[in-house]
ModelCIF file with pLDDT and N, C-alpha, C, O atoms, coordinates in Angstrom:
data_MODEL
#
_entry.id   MODEL 
#
_entity.id                         1 
_entity.type                       polymer 
_entity.pdbx_number_of_molecules   1 
#
_entity_poly.entity_id                      1 
_entity_poly.type                           'polypeptide(L)' 
_entity_poly.nstd_linkage                   no 
_entity_poly.nstd_monomer                   no 
_entity_poly.pdbx_seq_one_letter_code       RNYVMVATTDMRETYRFENRPAFIKHAAKIA 
_entity_poly.pdbx_seq_one_letter_code_can   RNYVMVATTDMRETYRFENRPAFIKHAAKIA 
_entity_poly.pdbx_strand_id                 A 
#
loop_
_entity_poly_seq.entity_id 
_entity_poly_seq.num 
_entity_poly_seq.mon_id 
_entity_poly_seq.hetero 
1 1  ARG n 
1 2  ASN n 
1 3  TYR n 
1 4  VAL n 
1 5  MET n 
1 6  VAL n 
1 7  ALA n 
1 8  THR n 
1 9  THR n 
1 10 ASP n 
1 11 MET n 
1 12 ARG n 
1 13 GLU n 
1 14 THR n 
1 15 TYR n 
1 16 ARG n 
1 17 PHE n 
1 18 GLU n 
1 19 ASN n 
1 20 ARG n 
1 21 PRO n 
1 22 ALA n 
1 23 PHE n 
1 24 ILE n 
1 25 LYS n 
1 26 HIS n 
1 27 ALA n 
1 28 ALA n 
1 29 LYS n 
1 30 ILE n 
1 31 ALA n 
#
_struct_asym.id          A 
_struct_asym.entity_id   1 
#
loop_
_ma_qa_metric.id 
_ma_qa_metric.mode 
_ma_qa_metric.name 
_ma_qa_metric.software_group_id 
_ma_qa_metric.type 
1 global pLDDT . pLDDT 
2 local  pLDDT . pLDDT 
#
_ma_qa_metric_global.metric_id      1 
_ma_qa_metric_global.metric_value   87.19 
_ma_qa_metric_global.model_id       1 
_ma_qa_metric_global.ordinal_id     1 
#
loop_
_ma_qa_metric_local.label_asym_id 
_ma_qa_metric_local.label_comp_id 
_ma_qa_metric_local.label_seq_id 
_ma_qa_metric_local.metric_id 
_ma_qa_metric_local.metric_value 
_ma_qa_metric_local.model_id 
_ma_qa_metric_local.ordinal_id 
A ARG 1  2 96.00 1 1  
A ASN 2  2 96.00 1 2  
A TYR 3  2 97.00 1 3  
A VAL 4  2 98.00 1 4  
A MET 5  2 97.00 1 5  
A VAL 6  2 96.00 1 6  
A ALA 7  2 93.00 1 7  
A THR 8  2 91.00 1 8  
A THR 9  2 84.00 1 9  
A ASP 10 2 77.00 1 10 
A MET 11 2 63.00 1 11 
A ARG 12 2 69.00 1 12 
A GLU 13 2 66.00 1 13 
A THR 14 2 66.00 1 14 
A TYR 15 2 65.00 1 15 
A ARG 16 2 72.00 1 16 
A PHE 17 2 76.00 1 17 
A GLU 18 2 75.00 1 18 
A ASN 19 2 89.00 1 19 
A ARG 20 2 91.00 1 20 
A PRO 21 2 92.00 1 21 
A ALA 22 2 94.00 1 22 
A PHE 23 2 93.00 1 23 
A ILE 24 2 95.00 1 24 
A LYS 25 2 96.00 1 25 
A HIS 26 2 95.00 1 26 
A ALA 27 2 96.00 1 27 
A ALA 28 2 96.00 1 28 
A LYS 29 2 96.00 1 29 
A ILE 30 2 97.00 1 30 
A ALA 31 2 96.00 1 31 
#
loop_
_atom_site.group_PDB 
_atom_site.id 
_atom_site.type_symbol 
_atom_site.label_atom_id 
_atom_site.label_alt_id 
_atom_site.label_comp_id 
_atom_site.label_asym_id 
_atom_site.label_entity_id 
_atom_site.label_seq_id 
_atom_site.pdbx_PDB_ins_code 
_atom_site.Cartn_x 
_atom_site.Cartn_y 
_atom_site.Cartn_z 
_atom_site.occupancy 
_atom_site.B_iso_or_equiv 
_atom_site.pdbx_formal_charge 
_atom_site.auth_seq_id 
_atom_site.auth_comp_id 
_atom_site.auth_asym_id 
_atom_site.auth_atom_id 
_atom_site.pdbx_PDB_model_num 
ATOM 1   N N  . ARG A 1 1  ? -70.628 -88.441  107.519 1.00 96.00 ? 1  ARG A N  1 
ATOM 2   C CA . ARG A 1 1  ? -71.029 -89.141  108.879 1.00 96.00 ? 1  ARG A CA 1 
ATOM 3   C C  . ARG A 1 1  ? -69.823 -90.633  109.196 1.00 96.00 ? 1  ARG A C  1 
ATOM 4   O O  . ARG A 1 1  ? -69.003 -91.365  108.643 1.00 96.00 ? 1  ARG A O  1 
ATOM 5   N N  . ASN A 1 2  ? -70.501 -90.341  110.503 1.00 96.00 ? 2  ASN A N  1 
ATOM 6   C CA . ASN A 1 2  ? -70.678 -92.538  111.546 1.00 96.00 ? 2  ASN A CA 1 
ATOM 7   C C  . ASN A 1 2  ? -69.222 -93.120  110.923 1.00 96.00 ? 2  ASN A C  1 
ATOM 8   O O  . ASN A 1 2  ? -69.245 -94.196  110.326 1.00 96.00 ? 2  ASN A O  1 
ATOM 9   N N  . TYR A 1 3  ? -68.481 -92.689  111.013 1.00 97.00 ? 3  TYR A N  1 
ATOM 10  C CA . TYR A 1 3  ? -66.921 -93.568  110.774 1.00 97.00 ? 3  TYR A CA 1 
ATOM 11  C C  . TYR A 1 3  ? -66.338 -93.287  111.873 1.00 97.00 ? 3  TYR A C  1 
ATOM 12  O O  . TYR A 1 3  ? -66.613 -92.302  112.557 1.00 97.00 ? 3  TYR A O  1 
ATOM 13  N N  . VAL A 1 4  ? -65.321 -94.286  112.188 1.00 98.00 ? 4  VAL A N  1 
ATOM 14  C CA . VAL A 1 4  ? -64.173 -94.148  113.281 1.00 98.00 ? 4  VAL A CA 1 
ATOM 15  C C  . VAL A 1 4  ? -63.335 -93.269  113.270 1.00 98.00 ? 4  VAL A C  1 
ATOM 16  O O  . VAL A 1 4  ? -62.663 -93.475  112.259 1.00 98.00 ? 4  VAL A O  1 
ATOM 17  N N  . MET A 1 5  ? -62.824 -92.088  113.976 1.00 97.00 ? 5  MET A N  1 
ATOM 18  C CA . MET A 1 5  ? -61.787 -91.234  113.456 1.00 97.00 ? 5  MET A CA 1 
ATOM 19  C C  . MET A 1 5  ? -60.441 -91.315  114.621 1.00 97.00 ? 5  MET A C  1 
ATOM 20  O O  . MET A 1 5  ? -60.309 -91.118  115.829 1.00 97.00 ? 5  MET A O  1 
ATOM 21  N N  . VAL A 1 6  ? -59.676 -91.673  113.619 1.00 96.00 ? 6  VAL A N  1 
ATOM 22  C CA . VAL A 1 6  ? -58.601 -91.144  114.336 1.00 96.00 ? 6  VAL A CA 1 
ATOM 23  C C  . VAL A 1 6  ? -57.492 -89.514  114.207 1.00 96.00 ? 6  VAL A C  1 
ATOM 24  O O  . VAL A 1 6  ? -57.343 -88.988  113.104 1.00 96.00 ? 6  VAL A O  1 
ATOM 25  N N  . ALA A 1 7  ? -57.049 -89.117  115.056 1.00 93.00 ? 7  ALA A N  1 
ATOM 26  C CA . ALA A 1 7  ? -56.346 -88.145  114.711 1.00 93.00 ? 7  ALA A CA 1 
ATOM 27  C C  . ALA A 1 7  ? -54.374 -88.399  115.289 1.00 93.00 ? 7  ALA A C  1 
ATOM 28  O O  . ALA A 1 7  ? -53.731 -88.401  116.339 1.00 93.00 ? 7  ALA A O  1 
ATOM 29  N N  . THR A 1 8  ? -54.201 -88.525  114.234 1.00 91.00 ? 8  THR A N  1 
ATOM 30  C CA . THR A 1 8  ? -52.600 -88.513  114.828 1.00 91.00 ? 8  THR A CA 1 
ATOM 31  C C  . THR A 1 8  ? -51.865 -87.396  114.974 1.00 91.00 ? 8  THR A C  1 
ATOM 32  O O  . THR A 1 8  ? -52.070 -86.184  114.901 1.00 91.00 ? 8  THR A O  1 
ATOM 33  N N  . THR A 1 9  ? -50.808 -88.228  115.237 1.00 84.00 ? 9  THR A N  1 
ATOM 34  C CA . THR A 1 9  ? -50.175 -86.888  116.125 1.00 84.00 ? 9  THR A CA 1 
ATOM 35  C C  . THR A 1 9  ? -48.464 -86.564  115.591 1.00 84.00 ? 9  THR A C  1 
ATOM 36  O O  . THR A 1 9  ? -47.670 -87.341  115.059 1.00 84.00 ? 9  THR A O  1 
ATOM 37  N N  . ASP A 1 10 ? -48.357 -85.641  115.834 1.00 77.00 ? 10 ASP A N  1 
ATOM 38  C CA . ASP A 1 10 ? -46.218 -85.559  115.260 1.00 77.00 ? 10 ASP A CA 1 
ATOM 39  C C  . ASP A 1 10 ? -44.906 -85.786  115.717 1.00 77.00 ? 10 ASP A C  1 
ATOM 40  O O  . ASP A 1 10 ? -43.799 -85.257  115.615 1.00 77.00 ? 10 ASP A O  1 
ATOM 41  N N  . MET A 1 11 ? -45.555 -87.003  116.391 1.00 63.00 ? 11 MET A N  1 
ATOM 42  C CA . MET A 1 11 ? -44.273 -87.678  117.781 1.00 63.00 ? 11 MET A CA 1 
ATOM 43  C C  . MET A 1 11 ? -43.049 -87.590  117.039 1.00 63.00 ? 11 MET A C  1 
ATOM 44  O O  . MET A 1 11 ? -42.364 -86.648  117.438 1.00 63.00 ? 11 MET A O  1 
ATOM 45  N N  . ARG A 1 12 ? -42.408 -88.399  115.869 1.00 69.00 ? 12 ARG A N  1 
ATOM 46  C CA . ARG A 1 12 ? -41.656 -88.571  115.450 1.00 69.00 ? 12 ARG A CA 1 
ATOM 47  C C  . ARG A 1 12 ? -41.048 -87.441  114.731 1.00 69.00 ? 12 ARG A C  1 
ATOM 48  O O  . ARG A 1 12 ? -39.834 -87.314  114.574 1.00 69.00 ? 12 ARG A O  1 
ATOM 49  N N  . GLU A 1 13 ? -42.128 -86.461  114.214 1.00 66.00 ? 13 GLU A N  1 
ATOM 50  C CA . GLU A 1 13 ? -41.545 -85.612  113.674 1.00 66.00 ? 13 GLU A CA 1 
ATOM 51  C C  . GLU A 1 13 ? -40.676 -84.644  115.127 1.00 66.00 ? 13 GLU A C  1 
ATOM 52  O O  . GLU A 1 13 ? -39.473 -84.433  114.966 1.00 66.00 ? 13 GLU A O  1 
ATOM 53  N N  . THR A 1 14 ? -41.111 -84.304  115.987 1.00 66.00 ? 14 THR A N  1 
ATOM 54  C CA . THR A 1 14 ? -40.172 -84.003  117.238 1.00 66.00 ? 14 THR A CA 1 
ATOM 55  C C  . THR A 1 14 ? -39.246 -84.896  118.181 1.00 66.00 ? 14 THR A C  1 
ATOM 56  O O  . THR A 1 14 ? -38.989 -84.417  119.285 1.00 66.00 ? 14 THR A O  1 
ATOM 57  N N  . TYR A 1 15 ? -38.699 -86.195  117.845 1.00 65.00 ? 15 TYR A N  1 
ATOM 58  C CA . TYR A 1 15 ? -37.786 -86.809  118.141 1.00 65.00 ? 15 TYR A CA 1 
ATOM 59  C C  . TYR A 1 15 ? -38.499 -87.331  119.594 1.00 65.00 ? 15 TYR A C  1 
ATOM 60  O O  . TYR A 1 15 ? -37.916 -87.144  120.662 1.00 65.00 ? 15 TYR A O  1 
ATOM 61  N N  . ARG A 1 16 ? -39.789 -87.987  119.526 1.00 72.00 ? 16 ARG A N  1 
ATOM 62  C CA . ARG A 1 16 ? -40.085 -88.863  120.195 1.00 72.00 ? 16 ARG A CA 1 
ATOM 63  C C  . ARG A 1 16 ? -40.522 -90.423  119.280 1.00 72.00 ? 16 ARG A C  1 
ATOM 64  O O  . ARG A 1 16 ? -40.806 -90.568  118.091 1.00 72.00 ? 16 ARG A O  1 
ATOM 65  N N  . PHE A 1 17 ? -40.441 -91.279  120.229 1.00 76.00 ? 17 PHE A N  1 
ATOM 66  C CA . PHE A 1 17 ? -40.486 -92.601  119.453 1.00 76.00 ? 17 PHE A CA 1 
ATOM 67  C C  . PHE A 1 17 ? -42.344 -93.100  119.558 1.00 76.00 ? 17 PHE A C  1 
ATOM 68  O O  . PHE A 1 17 ? -43.139 -93.118  120.498 1.00 76.00 ? 17 PHE A O  1 
ATOM 69  N N  . GLU A 1 18 ? -42.461 -93.464  118.047 1.00 75.00 ? 18 GLU A N  1 
ATOM 70  C CA . GLU A 1 18 ? -43.483 -94.013  118.177 1.00 75.00 ? 18 GLU A CA 1 
ATOM 71  C C  . GLU A 1 18 ? -43.681 -95.578  117.498 1.00 75.00 ? 18 GLU A C  1 
ATOM 72  O O  . GLU A 1 18 ? -42.624 -96.057  117.088 1.00 75.00 ? 18 GLU A O  1 
ATOM 73  N N  . ASN A 1 19 ? -44.522 -96.167  117.380 1.00 89.00 ? 19 ASN A N  1 
ATOM 74  C CA . ASN A 1 19 ? -44.688 -97.911  116.647 1.00 89.00 ? 19 ASN A CA 1 
ATOM 75  C C  . ASN A 1 19 ? -45.827 -97.496  116.193 1.00 89.00 ? 19 ASN A C  1 
ATOM 76  O O  . ASN A 1 19 ? -46.824 -97.769  116.862 1.00 89.00 ? 19 ASN A O  1 
ATOM 77  N N  . ARG A 1 20 ? -46.059 -96.316  114.262 1.00 91.00 ? 20 ARG A N  1 
ATOM 78  C CA . ARG A 1 20 ? -47.219 -95.469  114.003 1.00 91.00 ? 20 ARG A CA 1 
ATOM 79  C C  . ARG A 1 20 ? -47.866 -97.328  113.374 1.00 91.00 ? 20 ARG A C  1 
ATOM 80  O O  . ARG A 1 20 ? -49.002 -97.646  113.724 1.00 91.00 ? 20 ARG A O  1 
ATOM 81  N N  . PRO A 1 21 ? -47.187 -98.158  112.663 1.00 92.00 ? 21 PRO A N  1 
ATOM 82  C CA . PRO A 1 21 ? -47.159 -99.830  111.686 1.00 92.00 ? 21 PRO A CA 1 
ATOM 83  C C  . PRO A 1 21 ? -48.883 -100.504 113.729 1.00 92.00 ? 21 PRO A C  1 
ATOM 84  O O  . PRO A 1 21 ? -50.031 -100.939 113.821 1.00 92.00 ? 21 PRO A O  1 
ATOM 85  N N  . ALA A 1 22 ? -47.715 -100.073 114.700 1.00 94.00 ? 22 ALA A N  1 
ATOM 86  C CA . ALA A 1 22 ? -49.061 -101.090 115.456 1.00 94.00 ? 22 ALA A CA 1 
ATOM 87  C C  . ALA A 1 22 ? -49.707 -100.277 116.064 1.00 94.00 ? 22 ALA A C  1 
ATOM 88  O O  . ALA A 1 22 ? -50.191 -100.780 117.078 1.00 94.00 ? 22 ALA A O  1 
ATOM 89  N N  . PHE A 1 23 ? -50.142 -98.433  115.824 1.00 93.00 ? 23 PHE A N  1 
ATOM 90  C CA . PHE A 1 23 ? -51.265 -97.712  115.543 1.00 93.00 ? 23 PHE A CA 1 
ATOM 91  C C  . PHE A 1 23 ? -52.165 -98.237  115.403 1.00 93.00 ? 23 PHE A C  1 
ATOM 92  O O  . PHE A 1 23 ? -53.048 -98.887  115.963 1.00 93.00 ? 23 PHE A O  1 
ATOM 93  N N  . ILE A 1 24 ? -51.751 -97.770  114.307 1.00 95.00 ? 24 ILE A N  1 
ATOM 94  C CA . ILE A 1 24 ? -52.289 -98.165  112.610 1.00 95.00 ? 24 ILE A CA 1 
ATOM 95  C C  . ILE A 1 24 ? -53.561 -99.476  112.952 1.00 95.00 ? 24 ILE A C  1 
ATOM 96  O O  . ILE A 1 24 ? -54.785 -99.401  112.847 1.00 95.00 ? 24 ILE A O  1 
ATOM 97  N N  . LYS A 1 25 ? -52.680 -100.641 113.388 1.00 96.00 ? 25 LYS A N  1 
ATOM 98  C CA . LYS A 1 25 ? -53.156 -101.770 113.366 1.00 96.00 ? 25 LYS A CA 1 
ATOM 99  C C  . LYS A 1 25 ? -54.266 -101.960 114.545 1.00 96.00 ? 25 LYS A C  1 
ATOM 100 O O  . LYS A 1 25 ? -55.247 -102.669 114.320 1.00 96.00 ? 25 LYS A O  1 
ATOM 101 N N  . HIS A 1 26 ? -54.056 -101.154 116.127 1.00 95.00 ? 26 HIS A N  1 
ATOM 102 C CA . HIS A 1 26 ? -54.760 -101.022 117.072 1.00 95.00 ? 26 HIS A CA 1 
ATOM 103 C C  . HIS A 1 26 ? -56.282 -99.698  116.437 1.00 95.00 ? 26 HIS A C  1 
ATOM 104 O O  . HIS A 1 26 ? -57.301 -99.948  117.080 1.00 95.00 ? 26 HIS A O  1 
ATOM 105 N N  . ALA A 1 27 ? -56.436 -98.867  115.718 1.00 96.00 ? 27 ALA A N  1 
ATOM 106 C CA . ALA A 1 27 ? -57.325 -98.425  115.253 1.00 96.00 ? 27 ALA A CA 1 
ATOM 107 C C  . ALA A 1 27 ? -58.192 -99.349  114.699 1.00 96.00 ? 27 ALA A C  1 
ATOM 108 O O  . ALA A 1 27 ? -59.295 -99.612  115.179 1.00 96.00 ? 27 ALA A O  1 
ATOM 109 N N  . ALA A 1 28 ? -57.528 -100.062 113.281 1.00 96.00 ? 28 ALA A N  1 
ATOM 110 C CA . ALA A 1 28 ? -58.096 -100.893 112.278 1.00 96.00 ? 28 ALA A CA 1 
ATOM 111 C C  . ALA A 1 28 ? -59.233 -102.222 113.483 1.00 96.00 ? 28 ALA A C  1 
ATOM 112 O O  . ALA A 1 28 ? -60.210 -102.946 113.294 1.00 96.00 ? 28 ALA A O  1 
ATOM 113 N N  . LYS A 1 29 ? -58.189 -101.840 114.826 1.00 96.00 ? 29 LYS A N  1 
ATOM 114 C CA . LYS A 1 29 ? -59.204 -103.250 115.627 1.00 96.00 ? 29 LYS A CA 1 
ATOM 115 C C  . LYS A 1 29 ? -60.550 -102.669 115.930 1.00 96.00 ? 29 LYS A C  1 
ATOM 116 O O  . LYS A 1 29 ? -61.646 -103.032 115.502 1.00 96.00 ? 29 LYS A O  1 
ATOM 117 N N  . ILE A 1 30 ? -60.221 -101.590 116.839 1.00 97.00 ? 30 ILE A N  1 
ATOM 118 C CA . ILE A 1 30 ? -61.218 -100.689 117.222 1.00 97.00 ? 30 ILE A CA 1 
ATOM 119 C C  . ILE A 1 30 ? -62.266 -100.429 116.583 1.00 97.00 ? 30 ILE A C  1 
ATOM 120 O O  . ILE A 1 30 ? -63.405 -100.382 117.046 1.00 97.00 ? 30 ILE A O  1 
ATOM 121 N N  . ALA A 1 31 ? -61.801 -100.174 115.052 1.00 96.00 ? 31 ALA A N  1 
ATOM 122 C CA . ALA A 1 31 ? -63.324 -100.181 114.340 1.00 96.00 ? 31 ALA A CA 1 
ATOM 123 C C  . ALA A 1 31 ? -63.641 -100.727 114.250 1.00 96.00 ? 31 ALA A C  1 
ATOM 124 O O  . ALA A 1 31 ? -64.755 -100.716 113.727 1.00 96.00 ? 31 ALA A O  1 
#
């Protein structure tokens, strides 16, 4: 209970660009 949840997307697997390290750091900042 009571955690900050991150639901990821398969952008790279469907040939779209994603900066995953930046997204993870952004999530950590929100948390």
